[in-house]
């Protein structure tokens, strides 16, 4: 049955963040913190007060504006990186340059990585796939797309997937475990296809990333450290999202993936500004569908809030574990 119409306009609100970041980088000083304050301060409040989207929404008649929005975010992501590097060469105070790196890193996490996540589920030689790789190179995580598409989507919610968090695992322990393991899995993925040494794409990407970082440092040490800082923030945000998306959910080796193996949130602000990423069961079960067509699943594990609202609790491991223990206890035993 068709539900309420889907509107494109609310998703444009996601452009506020890169706009603030670019403006902050150009102005400098306290303005450099605007992006971080907006996303980590205002975002959790909006996640709460705006509530959940309607359960049933009609699919858009055309996906073109939604796809175009990904390209706009990519352009703004590149602009945010360039303005950060410029700020790093301008003699900005260390405090505000650090604030700019954090704000830009958050922008990279959304307009860069989440957008790359959407663009990366396309044909490898398509423009979208190339833009996805560009976004990931700018956060020094160029191995992500193929590892995610092959390893994560195949092994999600099993011990074979390093991007699925275990119950009682802290976000800090998860990040320390998953980052090197994903890199190793990406290398192994290509090695199994006979690509070793320089022929392995992961090696070539790593060399390119080192060369890119070296080039930024040649512009100035401050610019180089700011660039590395934004990449670290962006990768941490990616792995935070990985952490909450499958926290504590497990399936047997022969069990087929179902809606019970990903957490979902229907909070408006997370859906509007993060490309419906919080409708995560739908993404895993229908990975070829555009983000604009994703719908929530009745009875899927329900997150206590959206991705914004879960951020600060997830950093406080005892609070997060208590919060999620009750959620896990309410699920069928087979799901956790």
Protein backbone atom coordinates (compact mmCIF):
# COMPACT_ATOMS: atom_id res chain seq x y z
CA UNK A 1 0.00 0.00 0.00
CA UNK A 2 1.33 3.46 -0.93
CA UNK A 3 2.14 5.65 2.04
CA UNK A 4 2.74 9.35 2.35
CA UNK A 5 4.65 11.01 -0.48
CA UNK A 6 8.43 11.23 -0.14
CA UNK A 7 9.80 14.77 -0.31
CA UNK A 8 13.26 15.61 -1.61
CA UNK A 9 13.56 19.00 0.13
CA UNK A 10 14.37 17.74 3.68
CA UNK A 11 17.44 15.92 2.37
CA UNK A 12 18.87 19.23 1.17
CA UNK A 13 19.26 20.14 4.86
CA UNK A 14 22.32 17.91 4.85
CA UNK A 15 24.11 20.62 2.87
CA UNK A 16 24.10 22.89 5.92
CA UNK A 17 27.07 21.04 7.40
CA UNK A 18 29.53 21.28 4.49
CA UNK A 19 28.43 24.88 3.98
CA UNK A 20 29.28 25.73 7.58
CA UNK A 21 32.60 23.90 7.36
CA UNK A 22 33.72 25.65 4.19
CA UNK A 23 32.66 29.04 5.56
CA UNK A 24 34.44 28.31 8.85
CA UNK A 25 37.64 27.33 7.07
CA UNK A 26 37.58 30.51 5.00
CA UNK A 27 36.83 32.82 7.94
CA UNK A 28 39.03 31.06 10.50
CA UNK A 29 39.06 31.72 14.22
CA UNK A 30 36.10 30.48 16.29
CA UNK A 31 34.03 30.11 13.10
CA UNK A 32 36.17 27.06 12.28
CA UNK A 33 34.28 25.14 14.97
CA UNK A 34 30.82 25.73 13.45
CA UNK A 35 30.62 22.39 11.69
CA UNK A 36 31.51 20.40 14.80
CA UNK A 37 29.06 22.35 16.97
CA UNK A 38 26.29 21.89 14.42
CA UNK A 39 26.79 18.15 13.96
CA UNK A 40 27.75 17.03 17.47
CA UNK A 41 25.85 19.65 19.48
CA UNK A 42 22.72 20.55 17.54
CA UNK A 43 22.43 17.25 15.64
CA UNK A 44 21.61 15.04 18.66
CA UNK A 45 18.97 17.55 19.78
CA UNK A 46 17.31 17.56 16.35
CA UNK A 47 17.43 13.76 16.28
CA UNK A 48 15.39 13.84 19.46
CA UNK A 49 12.90 16.64 18.89
CA UNK A 50 12.03 15.90 15.25
CA UNK A 51 11.00 12.35 16.08
CA UNK A 52 10.55 9.50 13.62
CA UNK A 53 9.55 9.63 9.98
CA UNK A 54 6.27 8.01 8.86
CA UNK A 55 6.62 4.23 8.72
CA UNK A 56 5.16 4.01 5.21
CA UNK A 57 6.30 6.39 2.48
CA UNK A 58 5.78 6.17 -1.26
CA UNK A 59 8.93 5.74 -3.33
CA UNK A 60 10.07 8.83 -5.24
CA UNK A 61 8.97 8.94 -8.87
CA UNK A 62 12.56 9.72 -9.91
CA UNK A 63 15.89 9.11 -8.23
CA UNK A 64 17.77 11.70 -10.29
CA UNK A 65 17.69 14.60 -7.79
CA UNK A 66 18.73 12.23 -5.00
CA UNK A 67 21.65 10.94 -7.07
CA UNK A 68 22.61 14.49 -8.02
CA UNK A 69 22.70 15.39 -4.33
CA UNK A 70 25.51 12.86 -3.87
CA UNK A 71 27.55 14.66 -6.53
CA UNK A 72 26.93 18.02 -4.86
CA UNK A 73 28.15 16.62 -1.54
CA UNK A 74 31.26 15.23 -3.24
CA UNK A 75 32.09 18.65 -4.68
CA UNK A 76 31.58 20.26 -1.27
CA UNK A 77 33.71 17.58 0.38
CA UNK A 78 36.61 18.35 -1.95
CA UNK A 79 36.08 22.07 -1.29
CA UNK A 80 36.14 21.50 2.46
CA UNK A 81 39.46 19.66 2.19
CA UNK A 82 41.00 22.36 0.00
CA UNK A 83 39.88 25.17 2.30
CA UNK A 84 41.24 23.29 5.32
CA UNK A 85 44.64 22.93 3.66
CA UNK A 86 44.54 26.62 2.74
CA UNK A 87 43.73 27.51 6.36
CA UNK A 88 46.67 25.37 7.45
CA UNK A 89 49.02 27.46 5.33
CA UNK A 90 47.59 30.80 6.51
CA UNK A 91 49.20 30.92 9.96
CA UNK A 92 45.95 30.18 11.81
CA UNK A 93 46.21 29.60 15.57
CA UNK A 94 46.70 25.95 16.51
CA UNK A 95 43.46 25.82 18.52
CA UNK A 96 41.26 26.99 15.67
CA UNK A 97 43.12 24.93 13.10
CA UNK A 98 42.44 21.88 15.26
CA UNK A 99 38.77 22.89 15.43
CA UNK A 100 38.75 23.23 11.64
CA UNK A 101 40.29 19.76 11.28
CA UNK A 102 37.57 18.25 13.49
CA UNK A 103 34.79 20.10 11.65
CA UNK A 104 36.23 19.13 8.27
CA UNK A 105 36.67 15.54 9.44
CA UNK A 106 32.99 15.37 10.36
CA UNK A 107 32.14 16.78 6.94
CA UNK A 108 34.42 14.15 5.39
CA UNK A 109 32.65 11.47 7.39
CA UNK A 110 29.28 12.43 5.89
CA UNK A 111 29.76 14.26 2.59
CA UNK A 112 32.80 12.10 1.90
CA UNK A 113 32.45 8.62 3.38
CA UNK A 114 28.68 8.12 3.57
CA UNK A 115 28.38 9.53 0.06
CA UNK A 116 31.18 7.19 -1.08
CA UNK A 117 29.28 4.34 0.55
CA UNK A 118 26.28 5.13 -1.65
CA UNK A 119 28.26 5.85 -4.82
CA UNK A 120 30.38 2.74 -4.29
CA UNK A 121 27.48 0.34 -4.81
CA UNK A 122 27.72 0.87 -8.58
CA UNK A 123 29.66 -0.54 -11.52
CA UNK A 124 33.42 -0.28 -10.82
CA UNK A 125 34.18 1.83 -13.90
CA UNK A 126 31.23 4.19 -13.54
CA UNK A 127 31.58 7.87 -12.67
CA UNK A 128 29.89 7.21 -9.34
CA UNK A 129 32.43 4.52 -8.41
CA UNK A 130 35.32 6.81 -9.36
CA UNK A 131 33.91 9.61 -7.20
CA UNK A 132 33.50 7.13 -4.34
CA UNK A 133 37.19 6.25 -4.60
CA UNK A 134 38.12 9.94 -4.67
CA UNK A 135 36.15 10.59 -1.50
CA UNK A 136 37.82 7.68 0.26
CA UNK A 137 41.31 8.69 -0.88
CA UNK A 138 40.80 12.11 0.70
CA UNK A 139 40.33 10.43 4.09
CA UNK A 140 43.19 7.97 3.51
CA UNK A 141 40.84 4.98 3.54
CA UNK A 142 40.98 4.03 -0.12
CA UNK A 143 40.65 0.31 0.54
CA UNK A 144 37.18 0.71 2.06
CA UNK A 145 34.79 0.37 -0.88
CA UNK A 146 35.74 -3.08 -2.11
CA UNK A 147 36.29 -4.48 1.39
CA UNK A 148 32.87 -3.16 2.39
CA UNK A 149 31.05 -4.42 -0.70
CA UNK A 150 32.59 -7.89 -0.61
CA UNK A 151 33.58 -8.79 2.95
CA UNK A 152 31.12 -6.79 5.03
CA UNK A 153 28.03 -7.44 2.94
CA UNK A 154 28.82 -11.14 2.68
CA UNK A 155 29.82 -11.82 6.28
CA UNK A 156 27.86 -9.17 8.22
CA UNK A 157 26.90 -10.16 11.78
CA UNK A 158 29.38 -13.07 11.82
CA UNK A 159 32.82 -13.47 13.35
CA UNK A 160 34.29 -13.26 9.82
CA UNK A 161 33.26 -9.61 9.51
CA UNK A 162 35.57 -7.20 11.35
CA UNK A 163 33.05 -4.38 10.82
CA UNK A 164 30.37 -6.05 12.99
CA UNK A 165 30.75 -5.14 16.66
CA UNK A 166 30.46 -7.77 19.36
CA UNK A 167 28.17 -7.35 22.35
CA UNK A 168 30.01 -5.82 25.32
CA UNK A 169 32.73 -4.45 22.99
CA UNK A 170 33.49 -0.76 23.49
CA UNK A 171 33.65 1.58 20.51
CA UNK A 172 37.31 2.21 21.34
CA UNK A 173 38.17 -1.48 21.33
CA UNK A 174 36.12 -1.98 18.19
CA UNK A 175 37.93 0.77 16.28
CA UNK A 176 41.33 -0.56 17.36
CA UNK A 177 40.34 -4.03 16.14
CA UNK A 178 38.45 -3.24 12.95
CA UNK A 179 40.70 -0.67 11.25
CA UNK A 180 43.79 -2.89 10.78
CA UNK A 181 41.65 -5.99 10.16
CA UNK A 182 39.70 -4.31 7.36
CA UNK A 183 42.95 -3.18 5.75
CA UNK A 184 44.32 -6.72 5.94
CA UNK A 185 41.11 -8.17 4.55
CA UNK A 186 41.17 -5.72 1.65
CA UNK A 187 44.73 -6.77 0.77
CA UNK A 188 43.82 -10.45 1.09
CA UNK A 189 40.79 -9.95 -1.14
CA UNK A 190 43.00 -8.82 -4.03
CA UNK A 191 45.75 -11.32 -3.21
CA UNK A 192 43.27 -14.18 -3.63
CA UNK A 193 42.70 -12.92 -7.16
CA UNK A 194 46.43 -13.21 -7.83
CA UNK A 195 47.27 -9.56 -7.23
CA UNK A 196 50.33 -9.43 -5.00
CA UNK A 197 52.90 -6.75 -4.32
CA UNK A 198 52.57 -3.72 -6.59
CA UNK A 199 49.77 -5.40 -8.55
CA UNK A 200 47.62 -5.36 -5.42
CA UNK A 201 45.37 -2.31 -5.57
CA UNK A 202 45.60 -1.82 -1.80
CA UNK A 203 49.37 -1.36 -2.09
CA UNK A 204 49.04 1.14 -4.93
CA UNK A 205 46.38 3.08 -3.06
CA UNK A 206 48.54 3.19 0.08
CA UNK A 207 51.51 4.53 -1.90
CA UNK A 208 49.31 7.19 -3.48
CA UNK A 209 47.96 8.19 -0.06
CA UNK A 210 51.48 8.52 1.35
CA UNK A 211 52.45 10.66 -1.64
CA UNK A 212 49.37 12.83 -1.16
CA UNK A 213 50.09 13.37 2.54
CA UNK A 214 53.72 14.17 1.72
CA UNK A 215 52.55 16.74 -0.81
CA UNK A 216 50.32 18.43 1.76
CA UNK A 217 53.15 18.51 4.31
CA UNK A 218 55.35 20.19 1.71
CA UNK A 219 52.83 23.04 1.74
CA UNK A 220 53.39 23.38 5.48
CA UNK A 221 53.52 21.20 8.57
CA UNK A 222 50.34 22.73 9.98
CA UNK A 223 48.45 21.95 6.79
CA UNK A 224 49.75 18.39 6.86
CA UNK A 225 48.72 17.75 10.44
CA UNK A 226 45.29 19.30 9.81
CA UNK A 227 44.83 17.03 6.79
CA UNK A 228 45.80 13.95 8.81
CA UNK A 229 43.52 15.09 11.62
CA UNK A 230 40.45 15.40 9.42
CA UNK A 231 41.12 11.95 7.99
CA UNK A 232 41.38 10.44 11.48
CA UNK A 233 38.11 12.08 12.56
CA UNK A 234 36.34 10.90 9.40
CA UNK A 235 37.52 7.31 9.79
CA UNK A 236 36.53 7.29 13.45
CA UNK A 237 33.02 8.45 12.51
CA UNK A 238 32.80 5.73 9.87
CA UNK A 239 33.76 3.06 12.37
CA UNK A 240 31.45 4.53 15.02
CA UNK A 241 28.59 4.07 12.56
CA UNK A 242 29.76 0.54 11.78
CA UNK A 243 29.85 -0.06 15.53
CA UNK A 244 26.24 0.91 16.18
CA UNK A 245 24.82 -0.60 12.99
CA UNK A 246 25.39 -4.22 13.98
CA UNK A 247 26.30 -4.02 17.67
CA UNK A 248 25.75 -7.37 19.38
CA UNK A 249 23.80 -8.92 16.49
CA UNK A 250 24.96 -12.36 15.37
CA UNK A 251 23.88 -15.06 12.94
CA UNK A 252 25.01 -18.62 12.48
CA UNK A 253 27.50 -19.59 9.80
CA UNK A 254 24.80 -21.12 7.61
CA UNK A 255 22.05 -18.69 8.61
CA UNK A 256 20.88 -16.34 5.88
CA UNK A 257 21.08 -12.63 6.55
CA UNK A 258 17.77 -11.07 7.57
CA UNK A 259 16.33 -7.83 8.91
CA UNK A 260 17.34 -9.03 12.39
CA UNK A 261 21.05 -8.55 11.72
CA UNK A 262 21.16 -4.75 11.42
CA UNK A 263 19.91 -2.01 13.72
CA UNK A 264 17.52 0.51 12.23
CA UNK A 265 16.42 3.99 13.23
CA UNK A 266 13.61 5.99 11.66
CA UNK A 267 14.60 9.31 13.24
CA UNK A 268 13.91 12.06 10.74
CA UNK A 269 17.13 14.00 11.19
CA UNK A 270 19.35 10.95 10.70
CA UNK A 271 17.35 9.86 7.64
CA UNK A 272 17.22 13.32 6.09
CA UNK A 273 20.87 14.28 6.48
CA UNK A 274 22.62 10.88 6.35
CA UNK A 275 21.04 9.50 3.18
CA UNK A 276 18.69 7.06 4.94
CA UNK A 277 21.73 5.16 6.20
CA UNK A 278 19.94 4.44 9.46
CA UNK A 279 17.43 2.30 7.53
CA UNK A 280 20.24 -0.21 7.52
CA UNK A 281 18.41 -3.55 7.28
CA UNK A 282 16.97 -2.36 3.96
CA UNK A 283 20.42 -1.42 2.69
CA UNK A 284 21.81 -4.87 3.44
CA UNK A 285 18.88 -6.78 2.04
CA UNK A 286 18.51 -4.54 -1.02
CA UNK A 287 22.01 -3.18 -1.56
CA UNK A 288 21.40 -2.43 -5.23
CA UNK A 289 18.54 -0.03 -4.45
CA UNK A 290 19.14 3.70 -4.33
CA UNK A 291 19.21 5.23 -0.85
CA UNK A 292 16.05 7.17 -1.69
CA UNK A 293 14.07 3.92 -2.15
CA UNK A 294 14.97 2.35 1.20
CA UNK A 295 12.10 1.60 3.57
CA UNK A 296 12.09 0.53 7.24
CA UNK A 297 11.37 -3.09 8.13
CA UNK A 298 8.61 -3.88 10.57
CA UNK A 299 10.06 -5.79 13.52
CA UNK A 300 13.72 -5.06 12.76
CA UNK A 301 15.97 -4.24 15.75
CA UNK A 302 15.27 -0.64 16.69
CA UNK A 303 18.06 1.67 17.82
CA UNK A 304 17.38 3.79 20.92
CA UNK A 305 17.96 6.94 18.83
CA UNK A 306 19.37 8.03 15.49
CA UNK A 307 23.06 8.12 14.64
CA UNK A 308 23.37 11.62 16.07
CA UNK A 309 21.61 10.74 19.31
CA UNK A 310 23.67 7.59 19.85
CA UNK A 311 27.05 9.27 19.32
CA UNK A 312 27.82 10.58 22.81
CA UNK A 313 26.40 7.54 24.66
CA UNK A 314 28.48 5.24 22.44
CA UNK A 315 31.64 7.02 23.56
CA UNK A 316 30.76 6.27 27.19
CA UNK A 317 31.09 2.50 27.12
CA UNK A 318 29.39 1.63 30.45
CA UNK A 319 26.37 3.77 29.55
CA UNK A 320 26.17 2.39 26.04
CA UNK A 321 26.43 -1.23 27.17
CA UNK A 322 23.65 -0.78 29.74
CA UNK A 323 21.51 1.03 27.19
CA UNK A 324 21.93 -1.68 24.57
CA UNK A 325 21.74 -4.66 26.94
CA UNK A 326 18.03 -4.02 27.39
CA UNK A 327 17.56 -3.71 23.62
CA UNK A 328 19.42 -6.95 22.96
CA UNK A 329 17.46 -8.75 25.67
CA UNK A 330 14.22 -7.90 23.88
CA UNK A 331 15.35 -9.55 20.63
CA UNK A 332 14.90 -13.22 19.71
CA UNK A 333 17.81 -15.28 21.00
CA UNK A 334 18.93 -16.12 17.46
CA UNK A 335 19.66 -12.47 16.70
CA UNK A 336 22.31 -11.90 19.37
